[in-house]
């Protein structure tokens, strides 16, 4: 929450900003960061586009967006910030609930539909 890293199943908040942690992990040779806005995860209210973009722009390794995805429009919005370093998207509940059709989502990311 508020850009701070959560640990232990998101039960404990640290005092470290996600951008700080991501920069440290980058320095250790981590090849990508999965960024989940825990306030949105599983809520299907849309991903935190701005925070995801800011994190991706703060580091030099790819960011995989997670948390809140609910529509193909969410995927489109994340694809718009690909140049910032967002190279992947994780979704769960939206597919399980039928809110997003996996075939359509894959086709969208491949440019087969718009």
PDB file of N, CA and C in Angstrom:
ATOM      1  N   UNK A   1       0.825  -1.173   0.000  1.00  0.00           N
ATOM      2  CA  UNK A   1       0.000   0.000   0.000  1.00  0.00           C
ATOM      3  C   UNK A   1       0.877   1.248   0.000  1.00  0.00           C
ATOM      4  N   UNK A   2       0.394   2.256  -0.647  1.00  0.00           N
ATOM      5  CA  UNK A   2       1.116   3.526  -0.734  1.00  0.00           C
ATOM      6  C   UNK A   2       2.537   3.358  -1.243  1.00  0.00           C
ATOM      7  N   UNK A   3       2.738   2.371  -2.100  1.00  0.00           N
ATOM      8  CA  UNK A   3       4.045   2.159  -2.699  1.00  0.00           C
ATOM      9  C   UNK A   3       5.026   1.388  -1.839  1.00  0.00           C
ATOM     10  N   UNK A   4       4.584   0.906  -0.683  1.00  0.00           N
ATOM     11  CA  UNK A   4       5.464   0.167   0.211  1.00  0.00           C
ATOM     12  C   UNK A   4       5.390  -1.330  -0.081  1.00  0.00           C
ATOM     13  N   UNK A   5       6.492  -1.991   0.138  1.00  0.00           N
ATOM     14  CA  UNK A   5       6.577  -3.434  -0.077  1.00  0.00           C
ATOM     15  C   UNK A   5       5.865  -4.156   1.065  1.00  0.00           C
ATOM     16  N   UNK A   6       5.049  -5.146   0.694  1.00  0.00           N
ATOM     17  CA  UNK A   6       4.379  -5.989   1.672  1.00  0.00           C
ATOM     18  C   UNK A   6       4.994  -7.386   1.601  1.00  0.00           C
ATOM     19  N   UNK A   7       5.099  -8.048   2.740  1.00  0.00           N
ATOM     20  CA  UNK A   7       5.696  -9.387   2.813  1.00  0.00           C
ATOM     21  C   UNK A   7       4.792 -10.317   3.610  1.00  0.00           C
ATOM     22  N   UNK A   8       5.181 -11.606   3.642  1.00  0.00           N
ATOM     23  CA  UNK A   8       4.459 -12.629   4.396  1.00  0.00           C
ATOM     24  C   UNK A   8       2.992 -12.697   3.980  1.00  0.00           C
ATOM     25  N   UNK A   9       2.812 -12.949   2.682  1.00  0.00           N
ATOM     26  CA  UNK A   9       1.452 -13.060   2.182  1.00  0.00           C
ATOM     27  C   UNK A   9       0.707 -11.740   2.221  1.00  0.00           C
ATOM     28  N   UNK A  10       1.458 -10.686   2.092  1.00  0.00           N
ATOM     29  CA  UNK A  10       0.927  -9.312   2.103  1.00  0.00           C
ATOM     30  C   UNK A  10       0.389  -8.895   3.457  1.00  0.00           C
ATOM     31  N   UNK A  11       0.690  -9.671   4.504  1.00  0.00           N
ATOM     32  CA  UNK A  11       0.172  -9.369   5.832  1.00  0.00           C
ATOM     33  C   UNK A  11       0.983  -8.285   6.539  1.00  0.00           C
ATOM     34  N   UNK A  12       2.271  -8.188   6.226  1.00  0.00           N
ATOM     35  CA  UNK A  12       3.142  -7.234   6.907  1.00  0.00           C
ATOM     36  C   UNK A  12       3.665  -6.197   5.921  1.00  0.00           C
ATOM     37  N   UNK A  13       3.513  -4.930   6.294  1.00  0.00           N
ATOM     38  CA  UNK A  13       4.045  -3.841   5.480  1.00  0.00           C
ATOM     39  C   UNK A  13       5.454  -3.505   5.953  1.00  0.00           C
ATOM     40  N   UNK A  14       6.334  -3.260   4.994  1.00  0.00           N
ATOM     41  CA  UNK A  14       7.685  -2.823   5.335  1.00  0.00           C
ATOM     42  C   UNK A  14       7.729  -1.302   5.240  1.00  0.00           C
ATOM     43  N   UNK A  15       8.889  -0.753   5.473  1.00  0.00           N
ATOM     44  CA  UNK A  15       9.092   0.692   5.328  1.00  0.00           C
ATOM     45  C   UNK A  15       9.786   0.997   4.009  1.00  0.00           C
ATOM     46  N   UNK A  16       9.962  -0.022   3.175  1.00  0.00           N
ATOM     47  CA  UNK A  16      10.708   0.132   1.929  1.00  0.00           C
ATOM     48  C   UNK A  16       9.763   0.369   0.756  1.00  0.00           C
ATOM     49  N   UNK A  17      10.088   1.356  -0.041  1.00  0.00           N
ATOM     50  CA  UNK A  17       9.310   1.619  -1.246  1.00  0.00           C
ATOM     51  C   UNK A  17       9.560   0.535  -2.287  1.00  0.00           C
ATOM     52  N   UNK A  18       8.543   0.229  -3.063  1.00  0.00           N
ATOM     53  CA  UNK A  18       8.673  -0.783  -4.115  1.00  0.00           C
ATOM     54  C   UNK A  18       9.769  -0.405  -5.100  1.00  0.00           C
ATOM     55  N   UNK A  19       9.896   0.880  -5.412  1.00  0.00           N
ATOM     56  CA  UNK A  19      10.948   1.293  -6.348  1.00  0.00           C
ATOM     57  C   UNK A  19      12.335   1.031  -5.779  1.00  0.00           C
ATOM     58  N   UNK A  20      12.518   1.256  -4.477  1.00  0.00           N
ATOM     59  CA  UNK A  20      13.808   0.984  -3.833  1.00  0.00           C
ATOM     60  C   UNK A  20      14.126  -0.507  -3.900  1.00  0.00           C
ATOM     61  N   UNK A  21      13.131  -1.333  -3.563  1.00  0.00           N
ATOM     62  CA  UNK A  21      13.330  -2.779  -3.574  1.00  0.00           C
ATOM     63  C   UNK A  21      13.649  -3.260  -4.993  1.00  0.00           C
ATOM     64  N   UNK A  22      12.920  -2.735  -5.964  1.00  0.00           N
ATOM     65  CA  UNK A  22      13.145  -3.145  -7.354  1.00  0.00           C
ATOM     66  C   UNK A  22      14.562  -2.777  -7.804  1.00  0.00           C
ATOM     67  N   UNK A  23      15.033  -1.597  -7.416  1.00  0.00           N
ATOM     68  CA  UNK A  23      16.398  -1.190  -7.774  1.00  0.00           C
ATOM     69  C   UNK A  23      17.427  -2.107  -7.114  1.00  0.00           C
ATOM     70  N   UNK A  24      17.188  -2.483  -5.864  1.00  0.00           N
ATOM     71  CA  UNK A  24      18.091  -3.414  -5.184  1.00  0.00           C
ATOM     72  C   UNK A  24      18.107  -4.765  -5.901  1.00  0.00           C
ATOM     73  N   UNK A  25      16.944  -5.262  -6.232  1.00  0.00           N
ATOM     74  CA  UNK A  25      16.839  -6.559  -6.913  1.00  0.00           C
ATOM     75  C   UNK A  25      17.511  -6.510  -8.286  1.00  0.00           C
ATOM     76  N   UNK A  26      17.359  -5.390  -8.955  1.00  0.00           N
ATOM     77  CA  UNK A  26      18.035  -5.195 -10.244  1.00  0.00           C
ATOM     78  C   UNK A  26      19.548  -5.318 -10.055  1.00  0.00           C
ATOM     79  N   UNK A  27      20.060  -4.738  -8.977  1.00  0.00           N
ATOM     80  CA  UNK A  27      21.478  -4.807  -8.676  1.00  0.00           C
ATOM     81  C   UNK A  27      21.962  -6.209  -8.359  1.00  0.00           C
ATOM     82  N   UNK A  28      21.057  -7.077  -7.906  1.00  0.00           N
ATOM     83  CA  UNK A  28      21.400  -8.463  -7.615  1.00  0.00           C
ATOM     84  C   UNK A  28      21.303  -9.356  -8.839  1.00  0.00           C
ATOM     85  N   UNK A  29      20.910  -8.795  -9.976  1.00  0.00           N
ATOM     86  CA  UNK A  29      20.826  -9.581 -11.198  1.00  0.00           C
ATOM     87  C   UNK A  29      19.456 -10.153 -11.516  1.00  0.00           C
ATOM     88  N   UNK A  30      18.436  -9.737 -10.766  1.00  0.00           N
ATOM     89  CA  UNK A  30      17.071 -10.180 -11.075  1.00  0.00           C
ATOM     90  C   UNK A  30      16.738  -9.716 -12.489  1.00  0.00           C
ATOM     91  N   UNK A  31      16.100 -10.583 -13.257  1.00  0.00           N
ATOM     92  CA  UNK A  31      15.844 -10.273 -14.663  1.00  0.00           C
ATOM     93  C   UNK A  31      14.506  -9.612 -14.924  1.00  0.00           C
ATOM     94  N   UNK A  32      13.580  -9.652 -13.987  1.00  0.00           N
ATOM     95  CA  UNK A  32      12.278  -9.000 -14.136  1.00  0.00           C
ATOM     96  C   UNK A  32      11.632  -8.861 -12.765  1.00  0.00           C
ATOM     97  N   UNK A  33      10.702  -7.930 -12.669  1.00  0.00           N
ATOM     98  CA  UNK A  33       9.975  -7.680 -11.435  1.00  0.00           C
ATOM     99  C   UNK A  33       8.491  -7.894 -11.709  1.00  0.00           C
ATOM    100  N   UNK A  34       7.826  -8.657 -10.856  1.00  0.00           N
ATOM    101  CA  UNK A  34       6.372  -8.752 -10.908  1.00  0.00           C
ATOM    102  C   UNK A  34       5.855  -7.724  -9.912  1.00  0.00           C
ATOM    103  N   UNK A  35       5.079  -6.775 -10.415  1.00  0.00           N
ATOM    104  CA  UNK A  35       4.531  -5.724  -9.559  1.00  0.00           C
ATOM    105  C   UNK A  35       3.038  -5.941  -9.371  1.00  0.00           C
ATOM    106  N   UNK A  36       2.631  -6.149  -8.127  1.00  0.00           N
ATOM    107  CA  UNK A  36       1.232  -6.335  -7.785  1.00  0.00           C
ATOM    108  C   UNK A  36       0.790  -5.234  -6.843  1.00  0.00           C
ATOM    109  N   UNK A  37      -0.221  -4.490  -7.242  1.00  0.00           N
ATOM    110  CA  UNK A  37      -0.838  -3.531  -6.333  1.00  0.00           C
ATOM    111  C   UNK A  37      -1.806  -4.345  -5.488  1.00  0.00           C
ATOM    112  N   UNK A  38      -1.436  -4.620  -4.238  1.00  0.00           N
ATOM    113  CA  UNK A  38      -2.218  -5.548  -3.422  1.00  0.00           C
ATOM    114  C   UNK A  38      -3.593  -5.004  -3.066  1.00  0.00           C
ATOM    115  N   UNK A  39      -3.790  -3.708  -3.161  1.00  0.00           N
ATOM    116  CA  UNK A  39      -5.106  -3.142  -2.896  1.00  0.00           C
ATOM    117  C   UNK A  39      -6.080  -3.482  -4.019  1.00  0.00           C
ATOM    118  N   UNK A  40      -5.543  -3.844  -5.188  1.00  0.00           N
ATOM    119  CA  UNK A  40      -6.385  -4.131  -6.341  1.00  0.00           C
ATOM    120  C   UNK A  40      -6.430  -5.608  -6.706  1.00  0.00           C
ATOM    121  N   UNK A  41      -5.503  -6.377  -6.183  1.00  0.00           N
ATOM    122  CA  UNK A  41      -5.399  -7.781  -6.572  1.00  0.00           C
ATOM    123  C   UNK A  41      -6.686  -8.532  -6.227  1.00  0.00           C
ATOM    124  N   UNK A  42      -7.247  -9.199  -7.217  1.00  0.00           N
ATOM    125  CA  UNK A  42      -8.461  -9.970  -7.016  1.00  0.00           C
ATOM    126  C   UNK A  42      -9.730  -9.144  -6.959  1.00  0.00           C
ATOM    127  N   UNK A  43      -9.608  -7.825  -7.043  1.00  0.00           N
ATOM    128  CA  UNK A  43     -10.769  -6.953  -6.928  1.00  0.00           C
ATOM    129  C   UNK A  43     -11.411  -6.658  -8.293  1.00  0.00           C
ATOM    130  N   UNK A  44     -10.690  -6.915  -9.352  1.00  0.00           N
ATOM    131  CA  UNK A  44     -11.180  -6.687 -10.720  1.00  0.00           C
ATOM    132  C   UNK A  44     -11.659  -5.245 -10.919  1.00  0.00           C
ATOM    133  N   UNK A  45     -10.875  -4.292 -10.409  1.00  0.00           N
ATOM    134  CA  UNK A  45     -11.189  -2.873 -10.541  1.00  0.00           C
ATOM    135  C   UNK A  45     -10.200  -2.161 -11.449  1.00  0.00           C
ATOM    136  N   UNK A  46      -9.403  -2.925 -12.154  1.00  0.00           N
ATOM    137  CA  UNK A  46      -8.402  -2.341 -13.039  1.00  0.00           C
ATOM    138  C   UNK A  46      -7.060  -2.236 -12.347  1.00  0.00           C
ATOM    139  N   UNK A  47      -5.985  -2.420 -13.116  1.00  0.00           N
ATOM    140  CA  UNK A  47      -4.643  -2.334 -12.541  1.00  0.00           C
ATOM    141  C   UNK A  47      -4.251  -0.887 -12.243  1.00  0.00           C
ATOM    142  N   UNK A  48      -3.266  -0.721 -11.396  1.00  0.00           N
ATOM    143  CA  UNK A  48      -2.746   0.605 -11.082  1.00  0.00           C
ATOM    144  C   UNK A  48      -1.735   0.965 -12.170  1.00  0.00           C
ATOM    145  N   UNK A  49      -2.251   1.537 -13.247  1.00  0.00           N
ATOM    146  CA  UNK A  49      -1.431   1.848 -14.423  1.00  0.00           C
ATOM    147  C   UNK A  49      -0.310   2.819 -14.072  1.00  0.00           C
ATOM    148  N   UNK A  50      -0.645   3.881 -13.367  1.00  0.00           N
ATOM    149  CA  UNK A  50       0.348   4.918 -13.069  1.00  0.00           C
ATOM    150  C   UNK A  50       1.486   4.377 -12.199  1.00  0.00           C
ATOM    151  N   UNK A  51       1.174   3.652 -11.149  1.00  0.00           N
ATOM    152  CA  UNK A  51       2.221   3.111 -10.281  1.00  0.00           C
ATOM    153  C   UNK A  51       3.068   2.091 -11.033  1.00  0.00           C
ATOM    154  N   UNK A  52       2.438   1.307 -11.885  1.00  0.00           N
ATOM    155  CA  UNK A  52       3.178   0.322 -12.676  1.00  0.00           C
ATOM    156  C   UNK A  52       4.134   1.019 -13.629  1.00  0.00           C
ATOM    157  N   UNK A  53       3.645   2.075 -14.275  1.00  0.00           N
ATOM    158  CA  UNK A  53       4.490   2.844 -15.199  1.00  0.00           C
ATOM    159  C   UNK A  53       5.670   3.476 -14.462  1.00  0.00           C
ATOM    160  N   UNK A  54       5.390   4.091 -13.325  1.00  0.00           N
ATOM    161  CA  UNK A  54       6.458   4.743 -12.560  1.00  0.00           C
ATOM    162  C   UNK A  54       7.535   3.755 -12.126  1.00  0.00           C
ATOM    163  N   UNK A  55       7.124   2.584 -11.673  1.00  0.00           N
ATOM    164  CA  UNK A  55       8.095   1.561 -11.287  1.00  0.00           C
ATOM    165  C   UNK A  55       8.925   1.140 -12.489  1.00  0.00           C
ATOM    166  N   UNK A  56       8.265   0.870 -13.605  1.00  0.00           N
ATOM    167  CA  UNK A  56       8.974   0.424 -14.812  1.00  0.00           C
ATOM    168  C   UNK A  56       9.980   1.469 -15.278  1.00  0.00           C
ATOM    169  N   UNK A  57       9.624   2.733 -15.159  1.00  0.00           N
ATOM    170  CA  UNK A  57      10.535   3.803 -15.592  1.00  0.00           C
ATOM    171  C   UNK A  57      11.691   4.011 -14.617  1.00  0.00           C
ATOM    172  N   UNK A  58      11.548   3.537 -13.389  1.00  0.00           N
ATOM    173  CA  UNK A  58      12.589   3.719 -12.370  1.00  0.00           C
ATOM    174  C   UNK A  58      13.696   2.680 -12.460  1.00  0.00           C
ATOM    175  N   UNK A  59      13.461   1.602 -13.203  1.00  0.00           N
ATOM    176  CA  UNK A  59      14.451   0.522 -13.284  1.00  0.00           C
ATOM    177  C   UNK A  59      14.735   0.178 -14.740  1.00  0.00           C
ATOM    178  N   UNK A  60      15.742  -0.647 -14.940  1.00  0.00           N
ATOM    179  CA  UNK A  60      16.163  -1.013 -16.291  1.00  0.00           C
ATOM    180  C   UNK A  60      15.877  -2.466 -16.641  1.00  0.00           C
ATOM    181  N   UNK A  61      15.021  -3.106 -15.862  1.00  0.00           N
ATOM    182  CA  UNK A  61      14.628  -4.476 -16.157  1.00  0.00           C
ATOM    183  C   UNK A  61      13.114  -4.500 -16.370  1.00  0.00           C
ATOM    184  N   UNK A  62      12.612  -5.511 -17.051  1.00  0.00           N
ATOM    185  CA  UNK A  62      11.176  -5.565 -17.335  1.00  0.00           C
ATOM    186  C   UNK A  62      10.313  -5.666 -16.082  1.00  0.00           C
ATOM    187  N   UNK A  63       9.110  -5.124 -16.204  1.00  0.00           N
ATOM    188  CA  UNK A  63       8.104  -5.209 -15.148  1.00  0.00           C
ATOM    189  C   UNK A  63       6.910  -5.976 -15.704  1.00  0.00           C
ATOM    190  N   UNK A  64       6.422  -6.900 -14.908  1.00  0.00           N
ATOM    191  CA  UNK A  64       5.224  -7.668 -15.240  1.00  0.00           C
ATOM    192  C   UNK A  64       4.119  -7.166 -14.318  1.00  0.00           C
ATOM    193  N   UNK A  65       3.044  -6.658 -14.920  1.00  0.00           N
ATOM    194  CA  UNK A  65       1.943  -6.061 -14.158  1.00  0.00           C
ATOM    195  C   UNK A  65       1.014  -7.131 -13.626  1.00  0.00           C
ATOM    196  N   UNK A  66       0.535  -6.916 -12.399  1.00  0.00           N
ATOM    197  CA  UNK A  66      -0.364  -7.872 -11.762  1.00  0.00           C
ATOM    198  C   UNK A  66      -1.297  -7.114 -10.817  1.00  0.00           C
ATOM    199  N   UNK A  67      -2.504  -7.627 -10.680  1.00  0.00           N
ATOM    200  CA  UNK A  67      -3.420  -7.059  -9.705  1.00  0.00           C
ATOM    201  C   UNK A  67      -4.497  -6.193 -10.308  1.00  0.00           C
ATOM    202  N   UNK A  68      -5.738  -6.664 -10.254  1.00  0.00           N
ATOM    203  CA  UNK A  68      -6.886  -5.865 -10.638  1.00  0.00           C
ATOM    204  C   UNK A  68      -7.376  -6.001 -12.063  1.00  0.00           C
ATOM    205  N   UNK A  69      -6.643  -6.709 -12.894  1.00  0.00           N
ATOM    206  CA  UNK A  69      -7.027  -6.835 -14.297  1.00  0.00           C
ATOM    207  C   UNK A  69      -8.445  -7.374 -14.413  1.00  0.00           C
ATOM    208  N   UNK A  70      -9.283  -6.694 -15.235  1.00  0.00           N
ATOM    209  CA  UNK A  70     -10.678  -7.124 -15.317  1.00  0.00           C
ATOM    210  C   UNK A  70     -11.275  -7.085 -16.716  1.00  0.00           C
ATOM    211  N   UNK A  71     -10.632  -6.394 -17.644  1.00  0.00           N
ATOM    212  CA  UNK A  71     -11.189  -6.260 -18.990  1.00  0.00           C
ATOM    213  C   UNK A  71     -10.074  -6.243 -20.030  1.00  0.00           C
ATOM    214  N   UNK A  72     -10.472  -6.410 -21.279  1.00  0.00           N
ATOM    215  CA  UNK A  72      -9.503  -6.258 -22.369  1.00  0.00           C
ATOM    216  C   UNK A  72      -8.992  -4.821 -22.432  1.00  0.00           C
ATOM    217  N   UNK A  73      -9.815  -3.868 -22.026  1.00  0.00           N
ATOM    218  CA  UNK A  73      -9.355  -2.480 -21.989  1.00  0.00           C
ATOM    219  C   UNK A  73      -8.208  -2.301 -21.005  1.00  0.00           C
ATOM    220  N   UNK A  74      -8.219  -3.039 -19.893  1.00  0.00           N
ATOM    221  CA  UNK A  74      -7.094  -2.990 -18.954  1.00  0.00           C
ATOM    222  C   UNK A  74      -5.816  -3.454 -19.646  1.00  0.00           C
ATOM    223  N   UNK A  75      -5.933  -4.491 -20.434  1.00  0.00           N
ATOM    224  CA  UNK A  75      -4.768  -4.995 -21.174  1.00  0.00           C
ATOM    225  C   UNK A  75      -4.308  -3.940 -22.168  1.00  0.00           C
ATOM    226  N   UNK A  76      -5.241  -3.325 -22.878  1.00  0.00           N
ATOM    227  CA  UNK A  76      -4.883  -2.261 -23.834  1.00  0.00           C
ATOM    228  C   UNK A  76      -4.132  -1.134 -23.132  1.00  0.00           C
ATOM    229  N   UNK A  77      -4.629  -0.730 -21.956  1.00  0.00           N
ATOM    230  CA  UNK A  77      -3.987   0.363 -21.215  1.00  0.00           C
ATOM    231  C   UNK A  77      -2.574  -0.017 -20.769  1.00  0.00           C
ATOM    232  N   UNK A  78      -2.394  -1.257 -20.369  1.00  0.00           N
ATOM    233  CA  UNK A  78      -1.043  -1.703 -19.996  1.00  0.00           C
ATOM    234  C   UNK A  78      -0.138  -1.791 -21.217  1.00  0.00           C
ATOM    235  N   UNK A  79      -0.680  -2.188 -22.337  1.00  0.00           N
ATOM    236  CA  UNK A  79       0.119  -2.256 -23.564  1.00  0.00           C
ATOM    237  C   UNK A  79       0.589  -0.857 -23.980  1.00  0.00           C
ATOM    238  N   UNK A  80      -0.180   0.173 -23.639  1.00  0.00           N
ATOM    239  CA  UNK A  80       0.197   1.550 -23.962  1.00  0.00           C
ATOM    240  C   UNK A  80       1.446   1.997 -23.213  1.00  0.00           C
ATOM    241  N   UNK A  81       1.768   1.352 -22.102  1.00  0.00           N
ATOM    242  CA  UNK A  81       2.965   1.739 -21.339  1.00  0.00           C
ATOM    243  C   UNK A  81       4.096   0.721 -21.525  1.00  0.00           C
ATOM    244  N   UNK A  82       3.992  -0.095 -22.549  1.00  0.00           N
ATOM    245  CA  UNK A  82       5.044  -1.082 -22.825  1.00  0.00           C
ATOM    246  C   UNK A  82       6.396  -0.415 -23.007  1.00  0.00           C
ATOM    247  N   UNK A  83       6.424   0.748 -23.653  1.00  0.00           N
ATOM    248  CA  UNK A  83       7.686   1.455 -23.877  1.00  0.00           C
ATOM    249  C   UNK A  83       8.354   1.871 -22.564  1.00  0.00           C
ATOM    250  N   UNK A  84       7.589   1.933 -21.488  1.00  0.00           N
ATOM    251  CA  UNK A  84       8.148   2.266 -20.169  1.00  0.00           C
ATOM    252  C   UNK A  84       8.871   1.083 -19.544  1.00  0.00           C
ATOM    253  N   UNK A  85       8.633  -0.122 -20.101  1.00  0.00           N
ATOM    254  CA  UNK A  85       9.292  -1.314 -19.568  1.00  0.00           C
ATOM    255  C   UNK A  85       8.339  -2.375 -19.064  1.00  0.00           C
ATOM    256  N   UNK A  86       7.033  -2.171 -19.259  1.00  0.00           N
ATOM    257  CA  UNK A  86       6.049  -3.175 -18.841  1.00  0.00           C
ATOM    258  C   UNK A  86       5.939  -4.197 -19.964  1.00  0.00           C
ATOM    259  N   UNK A  87       6.390  -5.412 -19.682  1.00  0.00           N
ATOM    260  CA  UNK A  87       6.483  -6.411 -20.750  1.00  0.00           C
ATOM    261  C   UNK A  87       5.573  -7.612 -20.574  1.00  0.00           C
ATOM    262  N   UNK A  88       4.802  -7.627 -19.504  1.00  0.00           N
ATOM    263  CA  UNK A  88       3.917  -8.766 -19.277  1.00  0.00           C
ATOM    264  C   UNK A  88       2.779  -8.410 -18.347  1.00  0.00           C
ATOM    265  N   UNK A  89       1.770  -9.285 -18.359  1.00  0.00           N
ATOM    266  CA  UNK A  89       0.578  -9.076 -17.543  1.00  0.00           C
ATOM    267  C   UNK A  89       0.187 -10.419 -16.930  1.00  0.00           C
ATOM    268  N   UNK A  90      -0.145 -10.393 -15.648  1.00  0.00           N
ATOM    269  CA  UNK A  90      -0.659 -11.587 -14.982  1.00  0.00           C
ATOM    270  C   UNK A  90      -2.128 -11.354 -14.671  1.00  0.00           C
ATOM    271  N   UNK A  91      -2.946 -12.332 -14.991  1.00  0.00           N
ATOM    272  CA  UNK A  91      -4.356 -12.270 -14.616  1.00  0.00           C
ATOM    273  C   UNK A  91      -4.780 -13.626 -14.093  1.00  0.00           C
ATOM    274  N   UNK A  92      -5.736 -13.609 -13.242  1.00  0.00           N
ATOM    275  CA  UNK A  92      -6.253 -14.857 -12.668  1.00  0.00           C
ATOM    276  C   UNK A  92      -7.756 -14.814 -12.621  1.00  0.00           C
ATOM    277  N   UNK A  93      -8.279 -14.068 -11.660  1.00  0.00           N
ATOM    278  CA  UNK A  93      -9.714 -14.039 -11.412  1.00  0.00           C
ATOM    279  C   UNK A  93     -10.514 -13.635 -12.646  1.00  0.00           C
ATOM    280  N   UNK A  94     -10.001 -12.699 -13.433  1.00  0.00           N
ATOM    281  CA  UNK A  94     -10.736 -12.242 -14.619  1.00  0.00           C
ATOM    282  C   UNK A  94     -10.939 -13.376 -15.618  1.00  0.00           C
ATOM    283  N   UNK A  95      -9.984 -14.272 -15.708  1.00  0.00           N
ATOM    284  CA  UNK A  95     -10.136 -15.422 -16.609  1.00  0.00           C
ATOM    285  C   UNK A  95     -11.052 -16.459 -15.969  1.00  0.00           C
ATOM    286  N   UNK A  96     -10.825 -16.747 -14.690  1.00  0.00           N
ATOM    287  CA  UNK A  96     -11.641 -17.756 -14.004  1.00  0.00           C
ATOM    288  C   UNK A  96     -13.118 -17.386 -13.989  1.00  0.00           C
ATOM    289  N   UNK A  97     -13.398 -16.082 -13.841  1.00  0.00           N
ATOM    290  CA  UNK A  97     -14.782 -15.623 -13.753  1.00  0.00           C
ATOM    291  C   UNK A  97     -15.433 -15.459 -15.122  1.00  0.00           C
ATOM    292  N   UNK A  98     -14.611 -15.478 -16.184  1.00  0.00           N
ATOM    293  CA  UNK A  98     -15.141 -15.291 -17.531  1.00  0.00           C
ATOM    294  C   UNK A  98     -15.191 -13.837 -17.967  1.00  0.00           C
ATOM    295  N   UNK A  99     -14.698 -12.917 -17.137  1.00  0.00           N
ATOM    296  CA  UNK A  99     -14.694 -11.498 -17.500  1.00  0.00           C
ATOM    297  C   UNK A  99     -13.772 -11.234 -18.685  1.00  0.00           C
ATOM    298  N   UNK A 100     -12.708 -12.016 -18.788  1.00  0.00           N
ATOM    299  CA  UNK A 100     -11.776 -11.929 -19.920  1.00  0.00           C
ATOM    300  C   UNK A 100     -11.686 -13.306 -20.548  1.00  0.00           C
ATOM    301  N   UNK A 101     -11.821 -13.336 -21.868  1.00  0.00           N
ATOM    302  CA  UNK A 101     -11.627 -14.567 -22.618  1.00  0.00           C
ATOM    303  C   UNK A 101     -10.135 -14.682 -22.920  1.00  0.00           C
ATOM    304  N   UNK A 102      -9.518 -15.771 -22.493  1.00  0.00           N
ATOM    305  CA  UNK A 102      -8.073 -15.930 -22.649  1.00  0.00           C
ATOM    306  C   UNK A 102      -7.660 -15.844 -24.111  1.00  0.00           C
ATOM    307  N   UNK A 103      -8.408 -16.466 -25.010  1.00  0.00           N
ATOM    308  CA  UNK A 103      -8.056 -16.414 -26.438  1.00  0.00           C
ATOM    309  C   UNK A 103      -8.065 -14.977 -26.960  1.00  0.00           C
ATOM    310  N   UNK A 104      -9.060 -14.211 -26.561  1.00  0.00           N
ATOM    311  CA  UNK A 104      -9.129 -12.807 -26.982  1.00  0.00           C
ATOM    312  C   UNK A 104      -7.967 -12.009 -26.400  1.00  0.00           C
ATOM    313  N   UNK A 105      -7.626 -12.268 -25.147  1.00  0.00           N
ATOM    314  CA  UNK A 105      -6.521 -11.552 -24.511  1.00  0.00           C
ATOM    315  C   UNK A 105      -5.208 -11.843 -25.228  1.00  0.00           C
ATOM    316  N   UNK A 106      -4.967 -13.087 -25.545  1.00  0.00           N
ATOM    317  CA  UNK A 106      -3.744 -13.455 -26.253  1.00  0.00           C
ATOM    318  C   UNK A 106      -3.736 -12.826 -27.645  1.00  0.00           C
ATOM    319  N   UNK A 107      -4.860 -12.885 -28.334  1.00  0.00           N
ATOM    320  CA  UNK A 107      -4.952 -12.282 -29.666  1.00  0.00           C
ATOM    321  C   UNK A 107      -4.686 -10.789 -29.599  1.00  0.00           C
ATOM    322  N   UNK A 108      -5.202 -10.129 -28.582  1.00  0.00           N
ATOM    323  CA  UNK A 108      -4.969  -8.693 -28.413  1.00  0.00           C
ATOM    324  C   UNK A 108      -3.487  -8.393 -28.253  1.00  0.00           C
ATOM    325  N   UNK A 109      -2.812  -9.156 -27.410  1.00  0.00           N
ATOM    326  CA  UNK A 109      -1.386  -8.897 -27.169  1.00  0.00           C
ATOM    327  C   UNK A 109      -0.527  -9.202 -28.382  1.00  0.00           C
ATOM    328  N   UNK A 110      -1.015 -10.047 -29.264  1.00  0.00           N
ATOM    329  CA  UNK A 110      -0.278 -10.374 -30.489  1.00  0.00           C
ATOM    330  C   UNK A 110      -0.652  -9.453 -31.643  1.00  0.00           C
ATOM    331  N   UNK A 111      -1.613  -8.553 -31.406  1.00  0.00           N
ATOM    332  CA  UNK A 111      -2.017  -7.623 -32.445  1.00  0.00           C
ATOM    333  C   UNK A 111      -3.025  -8.221 -33.424  1.00  0.00           C
ATOM    334  N   UNK A 112      -3.602  -9.366 -33.078  1.00  0.00           N
ATOM    335  CA  UNK A 112      -4.570 -10.003 -33.960  1.00  0.00           C
ATOM    336  C   UNK A 112      -5.953  -9.370 -33.876  1.00  0.00           C
ATOM    337  N   UNK A 113      -6.228  -8.659 -32.778  1.00  0.00           N
ATOM    338  CA  UNK A 113      -7.449  -7.865 -32.643  1.00  0.00           C
ATOM    339  C   UNK A 113      -7.062  -6.540 -32.029  1.00  0.00           C
ATOM    340  N   UNK A 114      -7.945  -5.563 -32.151  1.00  0.00           N
ATOM    341  CA  UNK A 114      -7.633  -4.258 -31.531  1.00  0.00           C
ATOM    342  C   UNK A 114      -8.689  -3.846 -30.557  1.00  0.00           C
TER     343      UNK A 114
END
